[in-house]
């Protein structure tokens, strides 16, 4: 198994890698789960730019966490946390 050096990453890349290592998945509108990775984030950033969005949010699945979680992605930034926390973060933008 290859180890990834987190020290050479941007804060956003570290955050994404930490979520990925914890088994985080995005929950689709139909309840399906999608792997959270740099390709997914890149597509979301492009969609955000194309549609003129401030951010795009998704429900987030994290193993062993029962509280509803969300992820917000915009312009290369990633925030994740409780639904309330993400809503407050977006409201402050």
C-alpha atoms as a PDB file:
ATOM      1  CA  UNK A   1       0.000   0.000   0.000  1.00  0.00           C
ATOM      2  CA  UNK A   2       1.364   3.418  -0.975  1.00  0.00           C
ATOM      3  CA  UNK A   3       1.480   6.166   1.616  1.00  0.00           C
ATOM      4  CA  UNK A   4       0.528   9.686   0.552  1.00  0.00           C
ATOM      5  CA  UNK A   5       2.566  12.548   2.012  1.00  0.00           C
ATOM      6  CA  UNK A   6       0.015  15.072   3.306  1.00  0.00           C
ATOM      7  CA  UNK A   7       2.701  17.679   4.068  1.00  0.00           C
ATOM      8  CA  UNK A   8       3.123  18.586   0.379  1.00  0.00           C
ATOM      9  CA  UNK A   9      -0.587  19.224  -0.183  1.00  0.00           C
ATOM     10  CA  UNK A  10      -2.683  22.358  -0.067  1.00  0.00           C
ATOM     11  CA  UNK A  11      -5.128  22.610   2.845  1.00  0.00           C
ATOM     12  CA  UNK A  12      -7.976  21.663   0.494  1.00  0.00           C
ATOM     13  CA  UNK A  13      -6.100  18.602  -0.790  1.00  0.00           C
ATOM     14  CA  UNK A  14      -5.319  17.525   2.792  1.00  0.00           C
ATOM     15  CA  UNK A  15      -8.956  17.971   3.790  1.00  0.00           C
ATOM     16  CA  UNK A  16     -10.127  15.907   0.818  1.00  0.00           C
ATOM     17  CA  UNK A  17      -7.551  13.171   1.470  1.00  0.00           C
ATOM     18  CA  UNK A  18      -8.515  13.016   5.155  1.00  0.00           C
ATOM     19  CA  UNK A  19     -12.197  12.660   4.230  1.00  0.00           C
ATOM     20  CA  UNK A  20     -11.355  10.020   1.636  1.00  0.00           C
ATOM     21  CA  UNK A  21      -9.296   8.019   4.145  1.00  0.00           C
ATOM     22  CA  UNK A  22     -12.213   8.100   6.582  1.00  0.00           C
ATOM     23  CA  UNK A  23     -14.467   6.574   3.912  1.00  0.00           C
ATOM     24  CA  UNK A  24     -16.464   9.723   3.132  1.00  0.00           C
ATOM     25  CA  UNK A  25     -18.932   9.478   0.279  1.00  0.00           C
ATOM     26  CA  UNK A  26     -21.279  11.998  -1.311  1.00  0.00           C
ATOM     27  CA  UNK A  27     -24.940  11.015  -1.158  1.00  0.00           C
ATOM     28  CA  UNK A  28     -26.778  11.570  -4.430  1.00  0.00           C
ATOM     29  CA  UNK A  29     -30.399  12.720  -4.757  1.00  0.00           C
ATOM     30  CA  UNK A  30     -31.474   9.089  -5.227  1.00  0.00           C
ATOM     31  CA  UNK A  31     -29.615   7.975  -2.089  1.00  0.00           C
ATOM     32  CA  UNK A  32     -26.720   6.453  -4.019  1.00  0.00           C
ATOM     33  CA  UNK A  33     -23.205   7.070  -2.740  1.00  0.00           C
ATOM     34  CA  UNK A  34     -20.367   8.441  -4.845  1.00  0.00           C
ATOM     35  CA  UNK A  35     -16.681   8.252  -3.980  1.00  0.00           C
ATOM     36  CA  UNK A  36     -15.275  11.565  -2.823  1.00  0.00           C
ATOM     37  CA  UNK A  37     -12.051  12.232  -4.740  1.00  0.00           C
ATOM     38  CA  UNK A  38     -10.194  14.987  -6.601  1.00  0.00           C
ATOM     39  CA  UNK A  39     -11.958  14.177  -9.886  1.00  0.00           C
ATOM     40  CA  UNK A  40     -15.363  14.585  -8.247  1.00  0.00           C
ATOM     41  CA  UNK A  41     -14.313  17.883  -6.645  1.00  0.00           C
ATOM     42  CA  UNK A  42     -12.849  19.160  -9.928  1.00  0.00           C
ATOM     43  CA  UNK A  43     -16.105  18.419 -11.740  1.00  0.00           C
ATOM     44  CA  UNK A  44     -18.098  20.180  -9.024  1.00  0.00           C
ATOM     45  CA  UNK A  45     -15.843  23.255  -9.208  1.00  0.00           C
ATOM     46  CA  UNK A  46     -16.305  23.349 -12.996  1.00  0.00           C
ATOM     47  CA  UNK A  47     -20.089  22.981 -12.617  1.00  0.00           C
ATOM     48  CA  UNK A  48     -20.102  25.766 -10.046  1.00  0.00           C
ATOM     49  CA  UNK A  49     -18.242  28.100 -12.406  1.00  0.00           C
ATOM     50  CA  UNK A  50     -20.387  27.112 -15.404  1.00  0.00           C
ATOM     51  CA  UNK A  51     -23.655  27.688 -13.517  1.00  0.00           C
ATOM     52  CA  UNK A  52     -22.466  30.813 -11.676  1.00  0.00           C
ATOM     53  CA  UNK A  53     -23.039  29.248  -8.246  1.00  0.00           C
ATOM     54  CA  UNK A  54     -21.465  30.473  -5.051  1.00  0.00           C
ATOM     55  CA  UNK A  55     -21.121  26.859  -3.906  1.00  0.00           C
ATOM     56  CA  UNK A  56     -22.561  23.414  -4.440  1.00  0.00           C
ATOM     57  CA  UNK A  57     -23.468  21.316  -1.428  1.00  0.00           C
ATOM     58  CA  UNK A  58     -24.081  17.620  -0.974  1.00  0.00           C
ATOM     59  CA  UNK A  59     -25.133  15.366   1.838  1.00  0.00           C
ATOM     60  CA  UNK A  60     -22.082  13.531   3.110  1.00  0.00           C
ATOM     61  CA  UNK A  61     -21.794   9.991   4.446  1.00  0.00           C
ATOM     62  CA  UNK A  62     -19.059   9.347   7.003  1.00  0.00           C
ATOM     63  CA  UNK A  63     -18.848   5.881   8.570  1.00  0.00           C
ATOM     64  CA  UNK A  64     -19.576   5.809  12.302  1.00  0.00           C
ATOM     65  CA  UNK A  65     -21.187   9.270  12.311  1.00  0.00           C
ATOM     66  CA  UNK A  66     -24.952   9.283  12.747  1.00  0.00           C
ATOM     67  CA  UNK A  67     -25.400  13.068  12.574  1.00  0.00           C
ATOM     68  CA  UNK A  68     -26.428  14.432   9.146  1.00  0.00           C
ATOM     69  CA  UNK A  69     -23.314  15.859   7.482  1.00  0.00           C
ATOM     70  CA  UNK A  70     -22.739  18.038   4.425  1.00  0.00           C
ATOM     71  CA  UNK A  71     -19.916  19.101   2.151  1.00  0.00           C
ATOM     72  CA  UNK A  72     -19.707  22.452   0.350  1.00  0.00           C
ATOM     73  CA  UNK A  73     -17.418  22.892  -2.648  1.00  0.00           C
ATOM     74  CA  UNK A  74     -16.575  26.099  -4.484  1.00  0.00           C
ATOM     75  CA  UNK A  75     -13.633  27.536  -6.373  1.00  0.00           C
ATOM     76  CA  UNK A  76     -11.311  24.813  -5.096  1.00  0.00           C
ATOM     77  CA  UNK A  77     -12.392  25.180  -1.477  1.00  0.00           C
ATOM     78  CA  UNK A  78     -13.926  22.368   0.525  1.00  0.00           C
ATOM     79  CA  UNK A  79     -15.814  22.652   3.797  1.00  0.00           C
ATOM     80  CA  UNK A  80     -17.452  19.741   5.540  1.00  0.00           C
ATOM     81  CA  UNK A  81     -19.335  19.388   8.770  1.00  0.00           C
ATOM     82  CA  UNK A  82     -22.776  19.400  10.306  1.00  0.00           C
ATOM     83  CA  UNK A  83     -25.657  20.686   8.215  1.00  0.00           C
ATOM     84  CA  UNK A  84     -25.985  23.663  10.569  1.00  0.00           C
ATOM     85  CA  UNK A  85     -22.243  24.403  10.358  1.00  0.00           C
ATOM     86  CA  UNK A  86     -22.182  24.313   6.555  1.00  0.00           C
ATOM     87  CA  UNK A  87     -25.289  26.529   6.340  1.00  0.00           C
ATOM     88  CA  UNK A  88     -23.654  29.043   8.702  1.00  0.00           C
ATOM     89  CA  UNK A  89     -20.430  28.933   6.703  1.00  0.00           C
ATOM     90  CA  UNK A  90     -22.270  29.635   3.450  1.00  0.00           C
ATOM     91  CA  UNK A  91     -24.381  32.391   5.020  1.00  0.00           C
ATOM     92  CA  UNK A  92     -21.194  34.153   6.131  1.00  0.00           C
ATOM     93  CA  UNK A  93     -19.833  34.257   2.552  1.00  0.00           C
END
